[in-house]
Amino acid sequence: MNILKKVPTTQDSDGKICYGNGILTNIVMLSVEEVDGVMIAPSSKPIDYFFDKDGVVVDIDIKINYTCNVSETAYNVQESVRHNVEAMTEYKISTVNVFVKDIYFDDSALKKDAR
């Protein structure tokens, strides 16, 4: 199922832009990868979204590195998702809900610095 949105073109005629089903999911995944110390949590549906009257509501399950500040990192994820979705599509983000499901311990970066 594709989502249709009517967008005016430069010649004052009506046109349509069609976004595929997975476009928002892919944009959200890229946005989460931009934030240091975060990865998508493995769950049945880690990224979910729906449309309401104010815009798109996005729910994301993430894992955070144990060295990161949880609230600051979650805020960075929210802003990254908001910016990228609004820049890459014509959608307006209403809410980005970030659910921290787990932390992970990855000392490989710390071990490289110690050498």
N, C-alpha and C. Protein backbone atom coordinates (compact mmCIF):
# COMPACT_ATOMS: atom_id res chain seq x y z
N MET A 1 0.85 -1.18 0.00
CA MET A 1 0.00 0.00 0.00
C MET A 1 0.89 1.23 0.00
N ASN A 2 0.63 2.13 -0.89
CA ASN A 2 1.38 3.38 -0.97
C ASN A 2 0.56 4.51 -0.38
N ILE A 3 1.26 5.49 0.13
CA ILE A 3 0.61 6.65 0.73
C ILE A 3 0.70 7.78 -0.28
N LEU A 4 -0.43 8.34 -0.66
CA LEU A 4 -0.45 9.40 -1.64
C LEU A 4 -0.59 10.74 -0.97
N LYS A 5 0.10 11.72 -1.51
CA LYS A 5 0.01 13.06 -0.99
C LYS A 5 0.03 14.02 -2.16
N LYS A 6 -0.89 14.94 -2.20
CA LYS A 6 -0.97 15.92 -3.27
C LYS A 6 -0.03 17.07 -2.96
N VAL A 7 0.87 17.37 -3.90
CA VAL A 7 1.85 18.42 -3.70
C VAL A 7 1.81 19.34 -4.93
N PRO A 8 1.71 20.66 -4.73
CA PRO A 8 1.70 21.55 -5.89
C PRO A 8 3.05 21.56 -6.58
N THR A 9 3.03 21.67 -7.90
CA THR A 9 4.27 21.75 -8.67
C THR A 9 4.53 23.21 -9.03
N THR A 10 5.65 23.47 -9.67
CA THR A 10 6.03 24.85 -9.99
C THR A 10 5.17 25.47 -11.09
N GLN A 11 4.48 24.65 -11.89
CA GLN A 11 3.65 25.18 -12.96
C GLN A 11 2.21 25.42 -12.49
N ASP A 12 1.95 25.51 -11.23
CA ASP A 12 0.62 25.69 -10.65
C ASP A 12 -0.36 24.60 -11.05
N SER A 13 0.12 23.42 -11.34
CA SER A 13 -0.76 22.29 -11.59
C SER A 13 -0.60 21.30 -10.45
N ASP A 14 -1.59 20.45 -10.31
CA ASP A 14 -1.54 19.48 -9.22
C ASP A 14 -0.70 18.27 -9.63
N GLY A 15 0.07 17.77 -8.68
CA GLY A 15 0.87 16.58 -8.90
C GLY A 15 0.77 15.70 -7.68
N LYS A 16 1.27 14.49 -7.81
CA LYS A 16 1.21 13.55 -6.70
C LYS A 16 2.60 13.00 -6.44
N ILE A 17 2.92 12.87 -5.18
CA ILE A 17 4.15 12.20 -4.77
C ILE A 17 3.71 10.96 -4.02
N CYS A 18 4.27 9.84 -4.38
CA CYS A 18 3.88 8.57 -3.78
C CYS A 18 5.06 8.02 -2.98
N TYR A 19 4.87 7.84 -1.69
CA TYR A 19 5.90 7.27 -0.83
C TYR A 19 5.58 5.79 -0.63
N GLY A 20 6.59 4.95 -0.74
CA GLY A 20 6.41 3.53 -0.51
C GLY A 20 6.21 3.22 0.96
N ASN A 21 5.77 2.01 1.24
CA ASN A 21 5.49 1.59 2.61
C ASN A 21 6.67 1.73 3.55
N GLY A 22 7.86 1.35 3.12
CA GLY A 22 9.00 1.31 4.00
C GLY A 22 9.82 2.58 4.06
N ILE A 23 9.41 3.63 3.38
CA ILE A 23 10.25 4.82 3.31
C ILE A 23 10.44 5.45 4.69
N LEU A 24 9.38 5.58 5.46
CA LEU A 24 9.53 6.17 6.80
C LEU A 24 10.37 5.28 7.71
N THR A 25 10.17 3.98 7.62
CA THR A 25 10.96 3.07 8.44
C THR A 25 12.44 3.20 8.11
N ASN A 26 12.77 3.28 6.83
CA ASN A 26 14.17 3.42 6.43
C ASN A 26 14.76 4.75 6.86
N ILE A 27 14.00 5.83 6.75
CA ILE A 27 14.49 7.14 7.19
C ILE A 27 14.73 7.14 8.70
N VAL A 28 13.82 6.53 9.45
CA VAL A 28 13.99 6.46 10.91
C VAL A 28 15.21 5.63 11.26
N MET A 29 15.42 4.51 10.57
CA MET A 29 16.60 3.69 10.84
C MET A 29 17.89 4.47 10.58
N LEU A 30 17.95 5.20 9.48
CA LEU A 30 19.12 6.01 9.19
C LEU A 30 19.32 7.11 10.24
N SER A 31 18.22 7.68 10.70
CA SER A 31 18.30 8.74 11.71
C SER A 31 18.85 8.22 13.03
N VAL A 32 18.44 7.02 13.41
CA VAL A 32 18.94 6.42 14.66
C VAL A 32 20.42 6.10 14.52
N GLU A 33 20.84 5.62 13.36
CA GLU A 33 22.25 5.29 13.15
C GLU A 33 23.15 6.51 13.22
N GLU A 34 22.61 7.70 12.96
CA GLU A 34 23.41 8.93 13.03
C GLU A 34 23.79 9.31 14.46
N VAL A 35 23.04 8.84 15.43
CA VAL A 35 23.28 9.20 16.83
C VAL A 35 24.28 8.21 17.42
N ASP A 36 25.35 8.73 18.03
CA ASP A 36 26.38 7.89 18.62
C ASP A 36 25.85 7.15 19.85
N GLY A 37 26.23 5.88 19.98
CA GLY A 37 25.89 5.10 21.16
C GLY A 37 24.49 4.54 21.16
N VAL A 38 23.85 4.48 19.99
CA VAL A 38 22.46 3.99 19.92
C VAL A 38 22.35 2.96 18.81
N MET A 39 21.52 1.96 19.04
CA MET A 39 21.16 1.01 17.99
C MET A 39 19.70 0.62 18.17
N ILE A 40 19.10 0.17 17.09
CA ILE A 40 17.71 -0.27 17.14
C ILE A 40 17.65 -1.54 17.99
N ALA A 41 16.70 -1.60 18.92
CA ALA A 41 16.54 -2.77 19.78
C ALA A 41 15.90 -3.90 18.99
N PRO A 42 16.43 -5.10 19.14
CA PRO A 42 15.81 -6.23 18.45
C PRO A 42 14.49 -6.60 19.14
N SER A 43 13.40 -6.32 18.46
CA SER A 43 12.08 -6.69 18.95
C SER A 43 11.21 -6.99 17.75
N SER A 44 9.98 -7.37 18.00
CA SER A 44 9.10 -7.76 16.90
C SER A 44 8.81 -6.59 15.96
N LYS A 45 8.67 -5.39 16.50
CA LYS A 45 8.42 -4.21 15.66
C LYS A 45 9.10 -3.01 16.32
N PRO A 46 10.42 -2.84 16.08
CA PRO A 46 11.15 -1.77 16.77
C PRO A 46 10.80 -0.37 16.30
N ILE A 47 10.29 -0.23 15.07
CA ILE A 47 9.90 1.07 14.55
C ILE A 47 8.46 0.99 14.10
N ASP A 48 7.64 1.85 14.65
CA ASP A 48 6.23 1.87 14.30
C ASP A 48 5.82 3.32 14.12
N TYR A 49 4.88 3.58 13.25
CA TYR A 49 4.39 4.94 13.04
C TYR A 49 2.94 4.90 12.60
N PHE A 50 2.25 5.99 12.88
CA PHE A 50 0.89 6.16 12.38
C PHE A 50 0.64 7.64 12.16
N PHE A 51 -0.38 7.93 11.40
CA PHE A 51 -0.71 9.30 11.03
C PHE A 51 -1.90 9.76 11.85
N ASP A 52 -1.79 10.93 12.47
CA ASP A 52 -2.93 11.54 13.13
C ASP A 52 -3.14 12.93 12.55
N LYS A 53 -4.08 13.67 13.10
CA LYS A 53 -4.42 14.98 12.52
C LYS A 53 -3.29 15.99 12.60
N ASP A 54 -2.36 15.84 13.55
CA ASP A 54 -1.26 16.78 13.71
C ASP A 54 0.00 16.38 12.96
N GLY A 55 0.05 15.18 12.42
CA GLY A 55 1.22 14.72 11.71
C GLY A 55 1.50 13.26 12.01
N VAL A 56 2.75 12.88 11.85
CA VAL A 56 3.15 11.49 12.04
C VAL A 56 3.63 11.28 13.48
N VAL A 57 3.17 10.19 14.08
CA VAL A 57 3.63 9.79 15.41
C VAL A 57 4.54 8.58 15.21
N VAL A 58 5.78 8.67 15.69
CA VAL A 58 6.77 7.61 15.50
C VAL A 58 7.13 7.02 16.86
N ASP A 59 7.13 5.68 16.94
CA ASP A 59 7.57 4.95 18.13
C ASP A 59 8.82 4.16 17.77
N ILE A 60 9.87 4.30 18.59
CA ILE A 60 11.15 3.63 18.31
C ILE A 60 11.64 2.92 19.57
N ASP A 61 12.03 1.66 19.42
CA ASP A 61 12.68 0.90 20.50
C ASP A 61 14.18 0.92 20.25
N ILE A 62 14.95 1.36 21.25
CA ILE A 62 16.40 1.47 21.05
C ILE A 62 17.16 0.80 22.20
N LYS A 63 18.44 0.55 21.93
CA LYS A 63 19.42 0.14 22.94
C LYS A 63 20.46 1.25 23.00
N ILE A 64 20.92 1.57 24.20
CA ILE A 64 21.89 2.65 24.39
C ILE A 64 23.15 2.09 25.02
N ASN A 65 24.29 2.59 24.58
CA ASN A 65 25.56 2.22 25.17
C ASN A 65 25.60 2.68 26.63
N TYR A 66 26.20 1.88 27.48
CA TYR A 66 26.20 2.17 28.91
C TYR A 66 26.94 3.45 29.27
N THR A 67 27.77 3.98 28.37
CA THR A 67 28.51 5.20 28.66
C THR A 67 27.71 6.47 28.32
N CYS A 68 26.55 6.33 27.70
CA CYS A 68 25.77 7.48 27.24
C CYS A 68 24.76 7.94 28.29
N ASN A 69 24.51 9.22 28.30
CA ASN A 69 23.44 9.79 29.11
C ASN A 69 22.11 9.45 28.43
N VAL A 70 21.22 8.77 29.15
CA VAL A 70 20.00 8.25 28.54
C VAL A 70 19.09 9.36 28.04
N SER A 71 18.80 10.35 28.87
CA SER A 71 17.86 11.39 28.45
C SER A 71 18.42 12.24 27.31
N GLU A 72 19.70 12.56 27.36
CA GLU A 72 20.32 13.35 26.29
C GLU A 72 20.34 12.56 24.98
N THR A 73 20.67 11.29 25.04
CA THR A 73 20.73 10.46 23.85
C THR A 73 19.34 10.26 23.25
N ALA A 74 18.34 10.04 24.09
CA ALA A 74 16.97 9.89 23.59
C ALA A 74 16.50 11.19 22.92
N TYR A 75 16.85 12.33 23.49
CA TYR A 75 16.51 13.61 22.87
C TYR A 75 17.19 13.75 21.51
N ASN A 76 18.45 13.34 21.42
CA ASN A 76 19.17 13.41 20.14
C ASN A 76 18.52 12.52 19.08
N VAL A 77 18.03 11.36 19.50
CA VAL A 77 17.31 10.47 18.58
C VAL A 77 16.04 11.16 18.09
N GLN A 78 15.29 11.76 19.02
CA GLN A 78 14.06 12.45 18.64
C GLN A 78 14.33 13.55 17.61
N GLU A 79 15.34 14.37 17.87
CA GLU A 79 15.64 15.48 16.96
C GLU A 79 16.16 14.99 15.61
N SER A 80 16.95 13.93 15.62
CA SER A 80 17.45 13.37 14.37
C SER A 80 16.31 12.84 13.51
N VAL A 81 15.39 12.12 14.13
CA VAL A 81 14.24 11.58 13.40
C VAL A 81 13.37 12.72 12.87
N ARG A 82 13.08 13.69 13.72
CA ARG A 82 12.24 14.81 13.32
C ARG A 82 12.86 15.55 12.11
N HIS A 83 14.14 15.86 12.23
CA HIS A 83 14.81 16.61 11.17
C HIS A 83 14.82 15.83 9.85
N ASN A 84 15.23 14.57 9.91
CA ASN A 84 15.39 13.79 8.68
C ASN A 84 14.07 13.48 7.99
N VAL A 85 13.04 13.13 8.74
CA VAL A 85 11.75 12.84 8.11
C VAL A 85 11.18 14.10 7.48
N GLU A 86 11.25 15.22 8.17
CA GLU A 86 10.70 16.46 7.61
C GLU A 86 11.53 16.98 6.45
N ALA A 87 12.84 16.71 6.43
CA ALA A 87 13.68 17.15 5.33
C ALA A 87 13.54 16.27 4.09
N MET A 88 13.32 14.98 4.30
CA MET A 88 13.29 14.04 3.18
C MET A 88 11.89 13.79 2.62
N THR A 89 10.87 14.12 3.38
CA THR A 89 9.49 13.92 2.91
C THR A 89 8.70 15.19 3.14
N GLU A 90 7.46 15.17 2.75
CA GLU A 90 6.56 16.30 2.98
C GLU A 90 5.78 16.14 4.28
N TYR A 91 6.09 15.11 5.07
CA TYR A 91 5.36 14.84 6.30
C TYR A 91 5.83 15.75 7.43
N LYS A 92 4.93 16.07 8.31
CA LYS A 92 5.21 16.82 9.53
C LYS A 92 5.20 15.83 10.68
N ILE A 93 6.22 15.88 11.52
CA ILE A 93 6.30 14.99 12.68
C ILE A 93 5.52 15.61 13.84
N SER A 94 4.60 14.85 14.39
CA SER A 94 3.84 15.29 15.55
C SER A 94 4.57 14.91 16.83
N THR A 95 4.95 13.64 16.94
CA THR A 95 5.58 13.12 18.15
C THR A 95 6.57 12.02 17.79
N VAL A 96 7.70 12.01 18.50
CA VAL A 96 8.65 10.90 18.40
C VAL A 96 8.79 10.31 19.80
N ASN A 97 8.28 9.10 19.98
CA ASN A 97 8.37 8.40 21.26
C ASN A 97 9.56 7.45 21.20
N VAL A 98 10.52 7.64 22.11
CA VAL A 98 11.71 6.79 22.17
C VAL A 98 11.61 5.92 23.41
N PHE A 99 11.64 4.61 23.20
CA PHE A 99 11.57 3.65 24.29
C PHE A 99 12.93 2.97 24.43
N VAL A 100 13.61 3.24 25.54
CA VAL A 100 14.92 2.62 25.79
C VAL A 100 14.64 1.24 26.37
N LYS A 101 14.88 0.22 25.56
CA LYS A 101 14.55 -1.16 25.94
C LYS A 101 15.71 -1.87 26.63
N ASP A 102 16.94 -1.40 26.37
CA ASP A 102 18.08 -2.13 26.89
C ASP A 102 19.31 -1.23 26.80
N ILE A 103 20.36 -1.65 27.51
CA ILE A 103 21.66 -1.02 27.33
C ILE A 103 22.61 -2.10 26.80
N TYR A 104 23.68 -1.66 26.18
CA TYR A 104 24.66 -2.64 25.71
C TYR A 104 26.04 -2.20 26.15
N PHE A 105 26.91 -3.19 26.30
CA PHE A 105 28.28 -2.97 26.74
C PHE A 105 29.21 -3.31 25.59
N ASP A 106 29.82 -2.29 25.04
CA ASP A 106 30.75 -2.48 23.93
C ASP A 106 32.04 -1.75 24.30
N ASP A 107 32.98 -2.51 24.86
CA ASP A 107 34.22 -1.91 25.32
C ASP A 107 35.29 -1.90 24.23
N SER A 108 34.99 -2.28 23.03
CA SER A 108 36.02 -2.36 21.99
C SER A 108 36.63 -0.98 21.71
N ALA A 109 35.84 0.07 21.77
CA ALA A 109 36.39 1.42 21.55
C ALA A 109 37.29 1.83 22.69
N LEU A 110 36.90 1.45 23.93
CA LEU A 110 37.73 1.79 25.09
C LEU A 110 39.05 1.03 25.07
N LYS A 111 39.03 -0.24 24.62
CA LYS A 111 40.26 -1.03 24.56
C LYS A 111 41.23 -0.49 23.53
N LYS A 112 40.71 0.02 22.41
CA LYS A 112 41.58 0.60 21.39
C LYS A 112 42.26 1.85 21.91
N ASP A 113 41.56 2.68 22.69
CA ASP A 113 42.14 3.90 23.24
C ASP A 113 43.20 3.61 24.28
N ALA A 114 43.08 2.49 24.99
CA ALA A 114 44.02 2.16 26.06
C ALA A 114 45.39 1.70 25.52
N ARG A 115 45.41 1.27 24.26
CA ARG A 115 46.67 0.76 23.71
C ARG A 115 47.65 1.83 23.41
